[in-house]
Amino acid sequence: MTPQQRAAAILRLYLDLPDTPHRPRTADRQLARSLADQCVDLTLIHSAILLACARRRSRPTDLPPLPPIRALAYFLPIIDELRQQPPLDPAYCSYLQRRLR
């Protein structure tokens, strides 16, 4: 897969989420290209997105709702977290995906 294809796949993962923009901003495109150029694994990015969404959903209901995610950069801390300590069980991402449906 070329870096351009990886960047497009990263943007699709982001834009397919609920409450994200319908079109990527310039900063989102630049970040997707940067992640693609760094050869960050798409599975890791997908896992970070799933984990972030699961954490947002598990927020206590008595707290005010979080604003919509408006930038791909929102996921960078979780991408870094998973780079340093990937999930022990590969099935965990499948579990998160099922839970978020």
N, C-alpha and C. Protein backbone atom coordinates (compact mmCIF):
# COMPACT_ATOMS: atom_id res chain seq x y z
N MET A 1 0.84 -1.17 0.00
CA MET A 1 0.00 0.00 0.00
C MET A 1 0.90 1.25 0.00
N THR A 2 0.59 2.17 -0.85
CA THR A 2 1.40 3.40 -0.94
C THR A 2 1.06 4.33 0.23
N PRO A 3 1.95 5.28 0.51
CA PRO A 3 1.64 6.26 1.56
C PRO A 3 0.33 7.01 1.29
N GLN A 4 0.04 7.31 0.03
CA GLN A 4 -1.20 8.01 -0.31
C GLN A 4 -2.42 7.13 0.01
N GLN A 5 -2.31 5.86 -0.28
CA GLN A 5 -3.41 4.94 0.03
C GLN A 5 -3.58 4.78 1.53
N ARG A 6 -2.46 4.71 2.26
CA ARG A 6 -2.54 4.62 3.72
C ARG A 6 -3.18 5.88 4.31
N ALA A 7 -2.78 7.04 3.79
CA ALA A 7 -3.36 8.30 4.28
C ALA A 7 -4.87 8.33 4.01
N ALA A 8 -5.28 7.89 2.84
CA ALA A 8 -6.71 7.85 2.51
C ALA A 8 -7.44 6.89 3.44
N ALA A 9 -6.83 5.76 3.75
CA ALA A 9 -7.46 4.78 4.65
C ALA A 9 -7.59 5.36 6.06
N ILE A 10 -6.58 6.08 6.51
CA ILE A 10 -6.63 6.72 7.83
C ILE A 10 -7.78 7.72 7.88
N LEU A 11 -7.91 8.53 6.84
CA LEU A 11 -8.99 9.51 6.80
C LEU A 11 -10.36 8.83 6.78
N ARG A 12 -10.47 7.71 6.09
CA ARG A 12 -11.75 6.97 6.07
C ARG A 12 -12.11 6.47 7.46
N LEU A 13 -11.12 5.93 8.18
CA LEU A 13 -11.38 5.46 9.54
C LEU A 13 -11.92 6.59 10.40
N TYR A 14 -11.33 7.76 10.25
CA TYR A 14 -11.73 8.93 11.03
C TYR A 14 -13.10 9.46 10.61
N LEU A 15 -13.31 9.62 9.32
CA LEU A 15 -14.55 10.22 8.83
C LEU A 15 -15.75 9.30 8.96
N ASP A 16 -15.53 8.01 9.11
CA ASP A 16 -16.64 7.07 9.26
C ASP A 16 -17.22 7.07 10.68
N LEU A 17 -16.58 7.78 11.59
CA LEU A 17 -17.08 7.84 12.96
C LEU A 17 -18.29 8.76 13.04
N PRO A 18 -19.18 8.47 14.00
CA PRO A 18 -20.27 9.41 14.21
C PRO A 18 -19.72 10.70 14.83
N ASP A 19 -20.35 11.78 14.56
CA ASP A 19 -19.98 13.09 15.13
C ASP A 19 -18.60 13.58 14.70
N THR A 20 -18.15 13.16 13.55
CA THR A 20 -16.94 13.75 12.97
C THR A 20 -17.35 14.50 11.71
N PRO A 21 -16.51 15.39 11.24
CA PRO A 21 -16.88 16.15 10.04
C PRO A 21 -17.11 15.23 8.84
N HIS A 22 -17.85 15.73 7.88
CA HIS A 22 -18.10 14.96 6.66
C HIS A 22 -16.92 15.04 5.71
N ARG A 23 -16.12 16.06 5.87
CA ARG A 23 -14.94 16.24 5.02
C ARG A 23 -13.73 16.54 5.91
N PRO A 24 -12.57 16.02 5.54
CA PRO A 24 -11.39 16.28 6.36
C PRO A 24 -10.90 17.72 6.19
N ARG A 25 -10.41 18.27 7.28
CA ARG A 25 -9.79 19.60 7.22
C ARG A 25 -8.37 19.43 6.68
N THR A 26 -7.77 20.52 6.32
CA THR A 26 -6.39 20.48 5.82
C THR A 26 -5.47 19.85 6.85
N ALA A 27 -5.64 20.22 8.12
CA ALA A 27 -4.80 19.66 9.19
C ALA A 27 -4.99 18.15 9.30
N ASP A 28 -6.21 17.67 9.07
CA ASP A 28 -6.47 16.23 9.12
C ASP A 28 -5.73 15.52 7.98
N ARG A 29 -5.78 16.11 6.81
CA ARG A 29 -5.07 15.51 5.66
C ARG A 29 -3.57 15.47 5.92
N GLN A 30 -3.04 16.56 6.47
CA GLN A 30 -1.60 16.62 6.74
C GLN A 30 -1.20 15.59 7.79
N LEU A 31 -2.01 15.44 8.82
CA LEU A 31 -1.70 14.46 9.86
C LEU A 31 -1.80 13.04 9.31
N ALA A 32 -2.81 12.77 8.49
CA ALA A 32 -2.94 11.44 7.89
C ALA A 32 -1.72 11.13 7.03
N ARG A 33 -1.27 12.12 6.25
CA ARG A 33 -0.06 11.91 5.43
C ARG A 33 1.15 11.66 6.31
N SER A 34 1.26 12.41 7.41
CA SER A 34 2.39 12.22 8.31
C SER A 34 2.39 10.83 8.93
N LEU A 35 1.23 10.38 9.38
CA LEU A 35 1.14 9.03 9.96
C LEU A 35 1.45 7.97 8.91
N ALA A 36 0.99 8.19 7.69
CA ALA A 36 1.27 7.25 6.60
C ALA A 36 2.76 7.23 6.27
N ASP A 37 3.38 8.41 6.24
CA ASP A 37 4.82 8.50 5.95
C ASP A 37 5.65 7.82 7.03
N GLN A 38 5.14 7.86 8.27
CA GLN A 38 5.83 7.20 9.38
C GLN A 38 5.54 5.69 9.42
N CYS A 39 4.70 5.24 8.49
CA CYS A 39 4.31 3.83 8.41
C CYS A 39 3.64 3.33 9.70
N VAL A 40 2.86 4.21 10.32
CA VAL A 40 2.10 3.79 11.48
C VAL A 40 1.06 2.78 11.00
N ASP A 41 1.03 1.65 11.65
CA ASP A 41 0.16 0.55 11.24
C ASP A 41 -1.31 0.95 11.30
N LEU A 42 -2.05 0.64 10.26
CA LEU A 42 -3.47 0.98 10.21
C LEU A 42 -4.26 0.28 11.31
N THR A 43 -3.86 -0.92 11.64
CA THR A 43 -4.53 -1.65 12.71
C THR A 43 -4.36 -0.92 14.04
N LEU A 44 -3.17 -0.37 14.26
CA LEU A 44 -2.92 0.38 15.49
C LEU A 44 -3.78 1.65 15.51
N ILE A 45 -3.88 2.34 14.39
CA ILE A 45 -4.70 3.55 14.31
C ILE A 45 -6.17 3.20 14.54
N HIS A 46 -6.62 2.13 13.91
CA HIS A 46 -8.00 1.69 14.10
C HIS A 46 -8.25 1.34 15.56
N SER A 47 -7.31 0.66 16.19
CA SER A 47 -7.43 0.30 17.61
C SER A 47 -7.51 1.56 18.48
N ALA A 48 -6.70 2.55 18.16
CA ALA A 48 -6.71 3.81 18.93
C ALA A 48 -8.05 4.50 18.79
N ILE A 49 -8.60 4.51 17.60
CA ILE A 49 -9.91 5.14 17.38
C ILE A 49 -10.99 4.40 18.16
N LEU A 50 -10.96 3.06 18.12
CA LEU A 50 -11.94 2.27 18.86
C LEU A 50 -11.82 2.52 20.37
N LEU A 51 -10.59 2.55 20.85
CA LEU A 51 -10.37 2.75 22.28
C LEU A 51 -10.85 4.13 22.72
N ALA A 52 -10.55 5.15 21.92
CA ALA A 52 -11.00 6.51 22.25
C ALA A 52 -12.52 6.58 22.30
N CYS A 53 -13.17 5.99 21.33
CA CYS A 53 -14.64 6.01 21.29
C CYS A 53 -15.22 5.25 22.47
N ALA A 54 -14.62 4.12 22.82
CA ALA A 54 -15.10 3.35 23.96
C ALA A 54 -14.92 4.14 25.26
N ARG A 55 -13.81 4.82 25.40
CA ARG A 55 -13.58 5.63 26.60
C ARG A 55 -14.59 6.77 26.69
N ARG A 56 -14.88 7.38 25.54
CA ARG A 56 -15.87 8.47 25.55
C ARG A 56 -17.24 7.95 25.95
N ARG A 57 -17.60 6.78 25.45
CA ARG A 57 -18.93 6.22 25.76
C ARG A 57 -19.04 5.76 27.21
N SER A 58 -17.92 5.38 27.81
CA SER A 58 -17.97 4.89 29.18
C SER A 58 -17.91 6.03 30.21
N ARG A 59 -17.92 7.24 29.73
CA ARG A 59 -17.91 8.41 30.60
C ARG A 59 -19.19 8.42 31.45
N PRO A 60 -19.07 8.75 32.72
CA PRO A 60 -20.27 8.77 33.58
C PRO A 60 -21.36 9.67 33.00
N THR A 61 -22.58 9.22 33.10
CA THR A 61 -23.70 9.94 32.50
C THR A 61 -24.06 11.22 33.25
N ASP A 62 -23.60 11.34 34.49
CA ASP A 62 -23.90 12.56 35.23
C ASP A 62 -22.98 13.72 34.87
N LEU A 63 -21.97 13.48 34.06
CA LEU A 63 -21.08 14.54 33.58
C LEU A 63 -21.65 15.15 32.31
N PRO A 64 -21.31 16.39 32.02
CA PRO A 64 -21.79 17.00 30.78
C PRO A 64 -21.25 16.23 29.57
N PRO A 65 -22.02 16.20 28.48
CA PRO A 65 -21.55 15.47 27.29
C PRO A 65 -20.31 16.13 26.70
N LEU A 66 -19.48 15.30 26.13
CA LEU A 66 -18.28 15.80 25.46
C LEU A 66 -18.66 16.38 24.11
N PRO A 67 -17.91 17.37 23.65
CA PRO A 67 -18.19 17.91 22.31
C PRO A 67 -17.80 16.89 21.24
N PRO A 68 -18.33 17.03 20.04
CA PRO A 68 -17.95 16.12 18.96
C PRO A 68 -16.44 16.18 18.69
N ILE A 69 -15.93 15.10 18.17
CA ILE A 69 -14.52 15.05 17.76
C ILE A 69 -14.40 15.81 16.45
N ARG A 70 -13.56 16.81 16.40
CA ARG A 70 -13.45 17.65 15.21
C ARG A 70 -12.08 17.61 14.55
N ALA A 71 -11.18 16.77 15.07
CA ALA A 71 -9.84 16.71 14.47
C ALA A 71 -9.25 15.32 14.65
N LEU A 72 -8.58 14.87 13.63
CA LEU A 72 -7.87 13.59 13.69
C LEU A 72 -6.83 13.61 14.80
N ALA A 73 -6.30 14.78 15.10
CA ALA A 73 -5.27 14.92 16.15
C ALA A 73 -5.79 14.48 17.52
N TYR A 74 -7.09 14.45 17.71
CA TYR A 74 -7.67 13.99 18.97
C TYR A 74 -7.14 12.61 19.34
N PHE A 75 -6.85 11.78 18.35
CA PHE A 75 -6.46 10.40 18.58
C PHE A 75 -4.95 10.21 18.78
N LEU A 76 -4.15 11.26 18.59
CA LEU A 76 -2.70 11.12 18.69
C LEU A 76 -2.23 10.59 20.05
N PRO A 77 -2.75 11.10 21.18
CA PRO A 77 -2.27 10.55 22.46
C PRO A 77 -2.54 9.06 22.60
N ILE A 78 -3.66 8.60 22.07
CA ILE A 78 -3.99 7.18 22.19
C ILE A 78 -3.16 6.36 21.22
N ILE A 79 -2.88 6.90 20.04
CA ILE A 79 -1.97 6.23 19.11
C ILE A 79 -0.61 6.05 19.78
N ASP A 80 -0.11 7.11 20.42
CA ASP A 80 1.18 7.03 21.12
C ASP A 80 1.13 6.03 22.27
N GLU A 81 0.01 6.03 23.00
CA GLU A 81 -0.16 5.08 24.10
C GLU A 81 -0.08 3.64 23.60
N LEU A 82 -0.76 3.36 22.48
CA LEU A 82 -0.75 2.00 21.94
C LEU A 82 0.57 1.64 21.28
N ARG A 83 1.29 2.63 20.80
CA ARG A 83 2.64 2.35 20.27
C ARG A 83 3.54 1.85 21.39
N GLN A 84 3.40 2.45 22.57
CA GLN A 84 4.25 2.08 23.70
C GLN A 84 3.78 0.80 24.38
N GLN A 85 2.46 0.60 24.42
CA GLN A 85 1.93 -0.59 25.08
C GLN A 85 0.70 -1.09 24.32
N PRO A 86 0.93 -1.92 23.30
CA PRO A 86 -0.20 -2.45 22.54
C PRO A 86 -1.10 -3.32 23.42
N PRO A 87 -2.37 -3.46 23.03
CA PRO A 87 -3.25 -4.35 23.79
C PRO A 87 -2.67 -5.76 23.82
N LEU A 88 -2.77 -6.42 24.96
CA LEU A 88 -2.21 -7.76 25.09
C LEU A 88 -2.96 -8.78 24.24
N ASP A 89 -4.25 -8.62 24.14
CA ASP A 89 -5.08 -9.58 23.42
C ASP A 89 -5.58 -8.96 22.13
N PRO A 90 -5.22 -9.51 20.98
CA PRO A 90 -5.69 -8.95 19.71
C PRO A 90 -7.22 -8.95 19.59
N ALA A 91 -7.88 -9.84 20.31
CA ALA A 91 -9.34 -9.90 20.26
C ALA A 91 -9.98 -8.71 20.97
N TYR A 92 -9.18 -7.95 21.73
CA TYR A 92 -9.73 -6.81 22.46
C TYR A 92 -10.33 -5.78 21.51
N CYS A 93 -9.70 -5.55 20.38
CA CYS A 93 -10.22 -4.58 19.41
C CYS A 93 -11.54 -5.08 18.80
N SER A 94 -11.64 -6.37 18.59
CA SER A 94 -12.90 -6.93 18.11
C SER A 94 -13.99 -6.74 19.15
N TYR A 95 -13.63 -6.93 20.40
CA TYR A 95 -14.59 -6.71 21.49
C TYR A 95 -15.04 -5.26 21.52
N LEU A 96 -14.10 -4.31 21.39
CA LEU A 96 -14.47 -2.89 21.38
C LEU A 96 -15.39 -2.55 20.21
N GLN A 97 -15.07 -3.11 19.07
CA GLN A 97 -15.89 -2.86 17.88
C GLN A 97 -17.32 -3.35 18.10
N ARG A 98 -17.47 -4.53 18.66
CA ARG A 98 -18.82 -5.06 18.95
C ARG A 98 -19.52 -4.20 19.98
N ARG A 99 -18.80 -3.77 20.97
CA ARG A 99 -19.39 -2.96 22.05
C ARG A 99 -19.88 -1.60 21.54
N LEU A 100 -19.19 -1.04 20.56
CA LEU A 100 -19.55 0.28 20.05
C LEU A 100 -20.70 0.25 19.07
N ARG A 101 -21.09 -0.91 18.61
CA ARG A 101 -22.21 -0.99 17.65
C ARG A 101 -23.52 -0.71 18.30
